[in-house]
Amino acid sequence: MAGSLKAPENKHHDLSLAVWTRQKENVTWLKNVLRSSMNPMTYESEDLSNIITKIVMPAQIQKDVCSRDDIGQQEYARFV
């Protein structure tokens, strides 16, 4: 900094107008995606569904997800 005529700015780079604008657009986009997706708190079916695409998972995937603790314990025991 020796010999520079201009003092460094005390402004963080994330405070620029371009960053704020992009962040606001991203937040708006995310809100729209969440509004258009399925609400997992009011979903009545017993099937396992993707929240965004609303696709029901195949039976084998549902079984694996629901028994993940048992599978994990079996794999841990096999590892040890």
N, C-alpha and C. Protein backbone atom coordinates (compact mmCIF):
# COMPACT_ATOMS: atom_id res chain seq x y z
N MET A 1 0.83 -1.19 0.00
CA MET A 1 0.00 0.00 0.00
C MET A 1 0.87 1.26 0.00
N ALA A 2 2.18 1.06 0.13
CA ALA A 2 3.05 2.22 0.15
C ALA A 2 3.00 2.93 -1.20
N GLY A 3 2.84 4.20 -1.16
CA GLY A 3 2.83 5.00 -2.36
C GLY A 3 1.48 5.07 -3.05
N SER A 4 0.46 4.41 -2.54
CA SER A 4 -0.85 4.50 -3.19
C SER A 4 -1.54 5.77 -2.74
N LEU A 5 -2.23 6.36 -3.67
CA LEU A 5 -2.91 7.63 -3.38
C LEU A 5 -4.31 7.41 -2.83
N LYS A 6 -4.85 6.24 -3.10
CA LYS A 6 -6.21 5.98 -2.69
C LYS A 6 -6.23 4.99 -1.52
N ALA A 7 -6.96 5.34 -0.49
CA ALA A 7 -7.09 4.45 0.66
C ALA A 7 -8.01 3.29 0.28
N PRO A 8 -7.79 2.12 0.86
CA PRO A 8 -8.68 0.99 0.54
C PRO A 8 -10.10 1.27 1.01
N GLU A 9 -11.05 0.76 0.23
CA GLU A 9 -12.46 0.96 0.59
C GLU A 9 -12.83 0.06 1.75
N ASN A 10 -13.71 0.54 2.59
CA ASN A 10 -14.18 -0.22 3.74
C ASN A 10 -15.54 -0.83 3.46
N LYS A 11 -15.74 -1.26 2.22
CA LYS A 11 -17.03 -1.80 1.81
C LYS A 11 -16.84 -3.25 1.39
N HIS A 12 -17.65 -4.12 1.92
CA HIS A 12 -17.55 -5.54 1.59
C HIS A 12 -18.04 -5.78 0.17
N HIS A 13 -17.41 -6.74 -0.53
CA HIS A 13 -17.75 -6.99 -1.92
C HIS A 13 -19.16 -7.56 -2.10
N ASP A 14 -19.74 -8.15 -1.07
CA ASP A 14 -21.10 -8.68 -1.18
C ASP A 14 -22.17 -7.60 -1.02
N LEU A 15 -21.76 -6.37 -0.79
CA LEU A 15 -22.71 -5.29 -0.62
C LEU A 15 -22.97 -4.53 -1.92
N SER A 16 -22.47 -5.03 -3.03
CA SER A 16 -22.67 -4.33 -4.29
C SER A 16 -24.10 -4.52 -4.78
N LEU A 17 -24.56 -3.61 -5.62
CA LEU A 17 -25.91 -3.66 -6.14
C LEU A 17 -26.14 -4.92 -6.97
N ALA A 18 -25.15 -5.34 -7.74
CA ALA A 18 -25.29 -6.54 -8.56
C ALA A 18 -25.51 -7.78 -7.70
N VAL A 19 -24.79 -7.89 -6.60
CA VAL A 19 -24.94 -9.05 -5.71
C VAL A 19 -26.31 -9.02 -5.05
N TRP A 20 -26.74 -7.86 -4.62
CA TRP A 20 -28.06 -7.74 -3.99
C TRP A 20 -29.16 -8.12 -4.96
N THR A 21 -29.05 -7.64 -6.20
CA THR A 21 -30.06 -7.93 -7.21
C THR A 21 -30.12 -9.42 -7.49
N ARG A 22 -28.97 -10.07 -7.68
CA ARG A 22 -28.93 -11.49 -7.94
C ARG A 22 -29.49 -12.28 -6.76
N GLN A 23 -29.16 -11.86 -5.54
CA GLN A 23 -29.66 -12.56 -4.36
C GLN A 23 -31.18 -12.43 -4.26
N LYS A 24 -31.69 -11.25 -4.55
CA LYS A 24 -33.14 -11.04 -4.51
C LYS A 24 -33.84 -11.92 -5.55
N GLU A 25 -33.27 -12.01 -6.75
CA GLU A 25 -33.83 -12.87 -7.80
C GLU A 25 -33.80 -14.33 -7.37
N ASN A 26 -32.71 -14.76 -6.75
CA ASN A 26 -32.60 -16.15 -6.29
C ASN A 26 -33.62 -16.46 -5.21
N VAL A 27 -33.84 -15.54 -4.29
CA VAL A 27 -34.82 -15.75 -3.23
C VAL A 27 -36.22 -15.84 -3.83
N THR A 28 -36.52 -14.96 -4.78
CA THR A 28 -37.83 -14.99 -5.45
C THR A 28 -38.03 -16.31 -6.17
N TRP A 29 -36.99 -16.77 -6.89
CA TRP A 29 -37.06 -18.04 -7.61
C TRP A 29 -37.31 -19.19 -6.64
N LEU A 30 -36.58 -19.21 -5.52
CA LEU A 30 -36.73 -20.28 -4.54
C LEU A 30 -38.14 -20.28 -3.94
N LYS A 31 -38.67 -19.10 -3.63
CA LYS A 31 -40.02 -19.02 -3.08
C LYS A 31 -41.04 -19.57 -4.07
N ASN A 32 -40.87 -19.24 -5.34
CA ASN A 32 -41.81 -19.74 -6.36
C ASN A 32 -41.73 -21.25 -6.49
N VAL A 33 -40.54 -21.80 -6.43
CA VAL A 33 -40.38 -23.26 -6.51
C VAL A 33 -41.06 -23.92 -5.31
N LEU A 34 -40.84 -23.37 -4.13
CA LEU A 34 -41.44 -23.96 -2.93
C LEU A 34 -42.96 -23.84 -2.93
N ARG A 35 -43.47 -22.73 -3.44
CA ARG A 35 -44.93 -22.56 -3.51
C ARG A 35 -45.56 -23.53 -4.50
N SER A 36 -44.86 -23.83 -5.58
CA SER A 36 -45.43 -24.70 -6.60
C SER A 36 -45.25 -26.18 -6.26
N SER A 37 -44.48 -26.49 -5.25
CA SER A 37 -44.24 -27.89 -4.89
C SER A 37 -45.28 -28.37 -3.89
N MET A 38 -45.21 -29.64 -3.58
CA MET A 38 -46.12 -30.28 -2.65
C MET A 38 -45.76 -29.87 -1.22
N ASN A 39 -46.76 -29.63 -0.42
CA ASN A 39 -46.53 -29.32 0.99
C ASN A 39 -46.41 -30.63 1.76
N PRO A 40 -45.21 -30.96 2.27
CA PRO A 40 -45.04 -32.24 2.95
C PRO A 40 -45.82 -32.34 4.26
N MET A 41 -46.24 -31.21 4.81
CA MET A 41 -46.96 -31.24 6.08
C MET A 41 -48.44 -31.60 5.89
N THR A 42 -48.95 -31.44 4.66
CA THR A 42 -50.35 -31.76 4.42
C THR A 42 -50.52 -32.95 3.49
N TYR A 43 -49.42 -33.63 3.18
CA TYR A 43 -49.46 -34.80 2.29
C TYR A 43 -50.08 -35.96 3.02
N GLU A 44 -51.14 -36.55 2.47
CA GLU A 44 -51.92 -37.57 3.16
C GLU A 44 -51.52 -39.00 2.82
N SER A 45 -50.87 -39.22 1.69
CA SER A 45 -50.58 -40.58 1.25
C SER A 45 -49.47 -41.21 2.07
N GLU A 46 -49.44 -42.54 2.07
CA GLU A 46 -48.40 -43.29 2.76
C GLU A 46 -47.17 -43.49 1.86
N ASP A 47 -47.32 -43.20 0.57
CA ASP A 47 -46.22 -43.39 -0.37
C ASP A 47 -45.15 -42.33 -0.19
N LEU A 48 -43.91 -42.70 -0.49
CA LEU A 48 -42.79 -41.78 -0.42
C LEU A 48 -42.70 -41.04 -1.75
N SER A 49 -42.83 -39.71 -1.71
CA SER A 49 -42.84 -38.92 -2.93
C SER A 49 -41.76 -37.86 -2.90
N ASN A 50 -41.28 -37.49 -4.08
CA ASN A 50 -40.35 -36.39 -4.22
C ASN A 50 -41.14 -35.10 -4.03
N ILE A 51 -40.68 -34.23 -3.16
CA ILE A 51 -41.42 -33.00 -2.84
C ILE A 51 -41.57 -32.09 -4.05
N ILE A 52 -40.53 -31.98 -4.87
CA ILE A 52 -40.57 -31.07 -6.01
C ILE A 52 -41.29 -31.68 -7.21
N THR A 53 -40.92 -32.89 -7.61
CA THR A 53 -41.49 -33.47 -8.82
C THR A 53 -42.80 -34.22 -8.56
N LYS A 54 -43.10 -34.53 -7.31
CA LYS A 54 -44.30 -35.26 -6.90
C LYS A 54 -44.34 -36.69 -7.43
N ILE A 55 -43.19 -37.21 -7.83
CA ILE A 55 -43.11 -38.57 -8.33
C ILE A 55 -43.03 -39.53 -7.14
N VAL A 56 -43.85 -40.58 -7.17
CA VAL A 56 -43.85 -41.58 -6.11
C VAL A 56 -42.66 -42.51 -6.35
N MET A 57 -41.89 -42.74 -5.30
CA MET A 57 -40.72 -43.60 -5.40
C MET A 57 -41.13 -45.05 -5.55
N PRO A 58 -40.35 -45.85 -6.27
CA PRO A 58 -40.65 -47.29 -6.39
C PRO A 58 -40.63 -47.96 -5.02
N ALA A 59 -41.31 -49.10 -4.95
CA ALA A 59 -41.46 -49.83 -3.67
C ALA A 59 -40.11 -50.19 -3.05
N GLN A 60 -39.14 -50.61 -3.86
CA GLN A 60 -37.84 -51.01 -3.32
C GLN A 60 -37.12 -49.81 -2.69
N ILE A 61 -37.22 -48.66 -3.31
CA ILE A 61 -36.59 -47.46 -2.74
C ILE A 61 -37.28 -47.07 -1.44
N GLN A 62 -38.61 -47.13 -1.42
CA GLN A 62 -39.33 -46.83 -0.19
C GLN A 62 -38.91 -47.77 0.94
N LYS A 63 -38.78 -49.06 0.61
CA LYS A 63 -38.37 -50.05 1.61
C LYS A 63 -36.97 -49.74 2.13
N ASP A 64 -36.05 -49.40 1.23
CA ASP A 64 -34.68 -49.09 1.63
C ASP A 64 -34.61 -47.84 2.51
N VAL A 65 -35.37 -46.81 2.13
CA VAL A 65 -35.36 -45.57 2.92
C VAL A 65 -35.95 -45.81 4.30
N CYS A 66 -37.04 -46.55 4.35
CA CYS A 66 -37.70 -46.79 5.64
C CYS A 66 -36.89 -47.71 6.55
N SER A 67 -36.03 -48.53 5.99
CA SER A 67 -35.23 -49.43 6.82
C SER A 67 -33.75 -49.03 6.82
N ARG A 68 -33.48 -47.76 6.63
CA ARG A 68 -32.09 -47.28 6.56
C ARG A 68 -31.32 -47.53 7.85
N ASP A 69 -31.99 -47.44 9.00
CA ASP A 69 -31.30 -47.68 10.27
C ASP A 69 -30.82 -49.13 10.37
N ASP A 70 -31.70 -50.05 10.01
CA ASP A 70 -31.33 -51.47 10.05
C ASP A 70 -30.21 -51.78 9.06
N ILE A 71 -30.32 -51.23 7.87
CA ILE A 71 -29.28 -51.45 6.85
C ILE A 71 -27.95 -50.88 7.34
N GLY A 72 -28.00 -49.71 7.95
CA GLY A 72 -26.78 -49.09 8.47
C GLY A 72 -26.14 -49.94 9.55
N GLN A 73 -26.94 -50.47 10.45
CA GLN A 73 -26.41 -51.32 11.52
C GLN A 73 -25.79 -52.60 10.96
N GLN A 74 -26.44 -53.19 9.97
CA GLN A 74 -25.92 -54.40 9.35
C GLN A 74 -24.57 -54.12 8.66
N GLU A 75 -24.50 -53.02 7.96
CA GLU A 75 -23.26 -52.67 7.26
C GLU A 75 -22.15 -52.34 8.25
N TYR A 76 -22.51 -51.67 9.35
CA TYR A 76 -21.52 -51.36 10.38
C TYR A 76 -20.98 -52.64 11.01
N ALA A 77 -21.89 -53.58 11.34
CA ALA A 77 -21.47 -54.84 11.93
C ALA A 77 -20.58 -55.62 10.98
N ARG A 78 -20.91 -55.59 9.69
CA ARG A 78 -20.10 -56.29 8.71
C ARG A 78 -18.72 -55.63 8.60
N PHE A 79 -18.67 -54.31 8.70
CA PHE A 79 -17.40 -53.59 8.63
C PHE A 79 -16.51 -53.92 9.81
N VAL A 80 -17.11 -53.91 11.00
CA VAL A 80 -16.34 -54.17 12.23
C VAL A 80 -15.92 -55.61 12.25
